[in-house]
Amino acid sequence: MPVGLTRDAGWEIGVSKTLPLPVATVWEFLVSPEGLALWLGPGAALPAEGDPALRGLRPGDRVRLTYGDTVLQVTVSPASGDRTVLTFHQEHLADAEERERQRAHWKGVMAEIMRVLLP
């Protein structure tokens, strides 16, 4: 099976980075209007509780939602030294080409988040 292709989720991509910031700081930024604009788009908001687009939410840990025809999960995990691992994981992508486009997209999003949080 090619890299990025799974039996259960089809084509998927994951991009992660360890940030020298506490989990709470990273999470608060991600769910702020400025943070949401970076990873969901300008003017975006998280779907409200009860909205089927919101597949799961554990504040301070992860959000899983429908993102177009795909499923996107964003997680913040504690790392040693009061650092945080931030991960964007997208599944049910159409094909290998979409996987590569989304890899570039999430790497760009990650770079922007780092630019804002680590000036």
C-alpha atoms as a PDB file:
ATOM      1  CA  MET A   1       0.000   0.000   0.000  1.00  0.00           C
ATOM      2  CA  PRO A   2       1.438   3.462  -0.903  1.00  0.00           C
ATOM      3  CA  VAL A   3       2.547   5.852   1.838  1.00  0.00           C
ATOM      4  CA  GLY A   4      -0.447   7.873   3.022  1.00  0.00           C
ATOM      5  CA  LEU A   5      -3.083   5.358   1.934  1.00  0.00           C
ATOM      6  CA  THR A   6      -4.912   3.440   4.653  1.00  0.00           C
ATOM      7  CA  ARG A   7      -7.666   0.844   4.568  1.00  0.00           C
ATOM      8  CA  ASP A   8      -9.948   2.728   6.956  1.00  0.00           C
ATOM      9  CA  ALA A   9      -9.390   6.415   6.182  1.00  0.00           C
ATOM     10  CA  GLY A  10      -8.246   6.319   2.564  1.00  0.00           C
ATOM     11  CA  TRP A  11      -5.617   8.913   1.702  1.00  0.00           C
ATOM     12  CA  GLU A  12      -4.449  10.932   4.696  1.00  0.00           C
ATOM     13  CA  ILE A  13      -1.783  13.396   5.747  1.00  0.00           C
ATOM     14  CA  GLY A  14      -0.387  14.493   9.075  1.00  0.00           C
ATOM     15  CA  VAL A  15       1.824  17.474   9.830  1.00  0.00           C
ATOM     16  CA  SER A  16       3.197  18.094  13.309  1.00  0.00           C
ATOM     17  CA  LYS A  17       5.629  20.407  15.034  1.00  0.00           C
ATOM     18  CA  THR A  18       6.913  20.763  18.579  1.00  0.00           C
ATOM     19  CA  LEU A  19       6.528  24.307  19.885  1.00  0.00           C
ATOM     20  CA  PRO A  20       8.398  25.720  22.906  1.00  0.00           C
ATOM     21  CA  LEU A  21       5.123  26.828  24.489  1.00  0.00           C
ATOM     22  CA  PRO A  22       2.690  25.303  27.014  1.00  0.00           C
ATOM     23  CA  VAL A  23      -0.331  23.377  25.712  1.00  0.00           C
ATOM     24  CA  ALA A  24      -2.778  25.974  27.079  1.00  0.00           C
ATOM     25  CA  THR A  25      -1.066  28.793  25.162  1.00  0.00           C
ATOM     26  CA  VAL A  26      -1.163  26.904  21.868  1.00  0.00           C
ATOM     27  CA  TRP A  27      -4.764  25.735  22.355  1.00  0.00           C
ATOM     28  CA  GLU A  28      -6.011  29.206  23.283  1.00  0.00           C
ATOM     29  CA  PHE A  29      -4.426  30.611  20.139  1.00  0.00           C
ATOM     30  CA  LEU A  30      -5.857  27.882  17.885  1.00  0.00           C
ATOM     31  CA  VAL A  31      -9.433  28.527  19.023  1.00  0.00           C
ATOM     32  CA  SER A  32      -9.104  32.325  19.039  1.00  0.00           C
ATOM     33  CA  PRO A  33     -10.470  34.290  16.059  1.00  0.00           C
ATOM     34  CA  GLU A  34      -6.887  34.958  14.877  1.00  0.00           C
ATOM     35  CA  GLY A  35      -5.905  31.298  15.186  1.00  0.00           C
ATOM     36  CA  LEU A  36      -9.074  29.976  13.552  1.00  0.00           C
ATOM     37  CA  ALA A  37      -8.511  32.354  10.628  1.00  0.00           C
ATOM     38  CA  LEU A  38      -5.086  30.783  10.063  1.00  0.00           C
ATOM     39  CA  TRP A  39      -6.183  27.163   9.933  1.00  0.00           C
ATOM     40  CA  LEU A  40      -9.894  27.300   9.010  1.00  0.00           C
ATOM     41  CA  GLY A  41      -9.911  30.497   6.971  1.00  0.00           C
ATOM     42  CA  PRO A  42     -10.790  34.168   7.484  1.00  0.00           C
ATOM     43  CA  GLY A  43     -13.961  34.685   9.511  1.00  0.00           C
ATOM     44  CA  ALA A  44     -14.210  30.978  10.355  1.00  0.00           C
ATOM     45  CA  ALA A  45     -15.570  29.656  13.626  1.00  0.00           C
ATOM     46  CA  LEU A  46     -15.668  26.181  15.091  1.00  0.00           C
ATOM     47  CA  PRO A  47     -18.990  24.446  14.470  1.00  0.00           C
ATOM     48  CA  ALA A  48     -21.340  24.727  17.441  1.00  0.00           C
ATOM     49  CA  GLU A  49     -21.976  21.787  19.740  1.00  0.00           C
ATOM     50  CA  GLY A  50     -24.702  19.666  18.136  1.00  0.00           C
ATOM     51  CA  ASP A  51     -23.626  20.626  14.602  1.00  0.00           C
ATOM     52  CA  PRO A  52     -22.852  17.376  12.743  1.00  0.00           C
ATOM     53  CA  ALA A  53     -19.716  19.016  11.295  1.00  0.00           C
ATOM     54  CA  LEU A  54     -18.229  18.967  14.806  1.00  0.00           C
ATOM     55  CA  ARG A  55     -17.233  15.330  15.214  1.00  0.00           C
ATOM     56  CA  GLY A  56     -15.482  15.741  18.535  1.00  0.00           C
ATOM     57  CA  LEU A  57     -14.123  18.381  20.871  1.00  0.00           C
ATOM     58  CA  ARG A  58     -11.990  18.013  23.960  1.00  0.00           C
ATOM     59  CA  PRO A  59     -11.049  21.569  24.960  1.00  0.00           C
ATOM     60  CA  GLY A  60      -7.347  21.929  25.575  1.00  0.00           C
ATOM     61  CA  ASP A  61      -6.635  18.686  23.696  1.00  0.00           C
ATOM     62  CA  ARG A  62      -8.267  18.187  20.290  1.00  0.00           C
ATOM     63  CA  VAL A  63     -10.966  19.100  17.827  1.00  0.00           C
ATOM     64  CA  ARG A  64     -12.215  16.808  15.046  1.00  0.00           C
ATOM     65  CA  LEU A  65     -14.457  18.182  12.333  1.00  0.00           C
ATOM     66  CA  THR A  66     -15.750  17.759   8.825  1.00  0.00           C
ATOM     67  CA  TYR A  67     -13.558  19.827   6.510  1.00  0.00           C
ATOM     68  CA  GLY A  68     -15.058  19.862   3.031  1.00  0.00           C
ATOM     69  CA  ASP A  69     -15.231  16.218   1.942  1.00  0.00           C
ATOM     70  CA  THR A  70     -12.571  15.235   4.480  1.00  0.00           C
ATOM     71  CA  VAL A  71     -12.133  14.901   8.229  1.00  0.00           C
ATOM     72  CA  LEU A  72      -9.633  17.132  10.020  1.00  0.00           C
ATOM     73  CA  GLN A  73      -8.299  16.616  13.513  1.00  0.00           C
ATOM     74  CA  VAL A  74      -6.148  19.170  15.309  1.00  0.00           C
ATOM     75  CA  THR A  75      -4.416  18.058  18.499  1.00  0.00           C
ATOM     76  CA  VAL A  76      -2.169  19.643  21.085  1.00  0.00           C
ATOM     77  CA  SER A  77      -0.147  17.218  23.197  1.00  0.00           C
ATOM     78  CA  PRO A  78       2.231  17.964  26.050  1.00  0.00           C
ATOM     79  CA  ALA A  79       5.927  17.376  25.416  1.00  0.00           C
ATOM     80  CA  SER A  80       8.821  17.497  27.852  1.00  0.00           C
ATOM     81  CA  GLY A  81      10.025  20.863  29.070  1.00  0.00           C
ATOM     82  CA  ASP A  82       6.616  22.612  28.912  1.00  0.00           C
ATOM     83  CA  ARG A  83       6.505  22.223  25.141  1.00  0.00           C
ATOM     84  CA  THR A  84       3.596  21.258  22.896  1.00  0.00           C
ATOM     85  CA  VAL A  85       3.272  18.975  19.888  1.00  0.00           C
ATOM     86  CA  LEU A  86       0.759  20.523  17.484  1.00  0.00           C
ATOM     87  CA  THR A  87      -0.639  18.138  14.860  1.00  0.00           C
ATOM     88  CA  PHE A  88      -2.960  18.616  11.896  1.00  0.00           C
ATOM     89  CA  HIS A  89      -4.258  15.272  10.594  1.00  0.00           C
ATOM     90  CA  GLN A  90      -6.572  15.115   7.583  1.00  0.00           C
ATOM     91  CA  GLU A  91      -8.147  11.938   6.240  1.00  0.00           C
ATOM     92  CA  HIS A  92     -10.491  10.794   3.460  1.00  0.00           C
ATOM     93  CA  LEU A  93      -8.527  12.747   0.841  1.00  0.00           C
ATOM     94  CA  ALA A  94      -9.395  12.035  -2.795  1.00  0.00           C
ATOM     95  CA  ASP A  95      -6.007  10.775  -4.004  1.00  0.00           C
ATOM     96  CA  ALA A  96      -2.222  11.065  -3.758  1.00  0.00           C
ATOM     97  CA  GLU A  97      -2.246  14.454  -5.506  1.00  0.00           C
ATOM     98  CA  GLU A  98      -4.694  15.926  -3.008  1.00  0.00           C
ATOM     99  CA  ARG A  99      -2.557  14.458  -0.232  1.00  0.00           C
ATOM    100  CA  GLU A 100       0.483  16.368  -1.517  1.00  0.00           C
ATOM    101  CA  ARG A 101      -1.515  19.598  -1.914  1.00  0.00           C
ATOM    102  CA  GLN A 102      -2.807  19.278   1.638  1.00  0.00           C
ATOM    103  CA  ARG A 103       0.672  18.483   2.966  1.00  0.00           C
ATOM    104  CA  ALA A 104       1.913  21.772   1.475  1.00  0.00           C
ATOM    105  CA  HIS A 105      -1.148  23.592   2.827  1.00  0.00           C
ATOM    106  CA  TRP A 106      -0.738  22.334   6.413  1.00  0.00           C
ATOM    107  CA  LYS A 107       3.006  22.992   6.369  1.00  0.00           C
ATOM    108  CA  GLY A 108       2.202  26.573   5.354  1.00  0.00           C
ATOM    109  CA  VAL A 109      -0.401  26.856   8.111  1.00  0.00           C
ATOM    110  CA  MET A 110       2.108  25.517  10.627  1.00  0.00           C
ATOM    111  CA  ALA A 111       4.715  28.054   9.485  1.00  0.00           C
ATOM    112  CA  GLU A 112       2.198  30.889   9.925  1.00  0.00           C
ATOM    113  CA  ILE A 113       1.224  29.688  13.401  1.00  0.00           C
ATOM    114  CA  MET A 114       4.884  29.558  14.374  1.00  0.00           C
ATOM    115  CA  ARG A 115       5.471  33.025  12.918  1.00  0.00           C
ATOM    116  CA  VAL A 116       2.669  34.443  15.068  1.00  0.00           C
ATOM    117  CA  LEU A 117       3.374  32.527  18.276  1.00  0.00           C
ATOM    118  CA  LEU A 118       7.177  32.686  18.083  1.00  0.00           C
ATOM    119  CA  PRO A 119       7.979  36.134  16.666  1.00  0.00           C
END
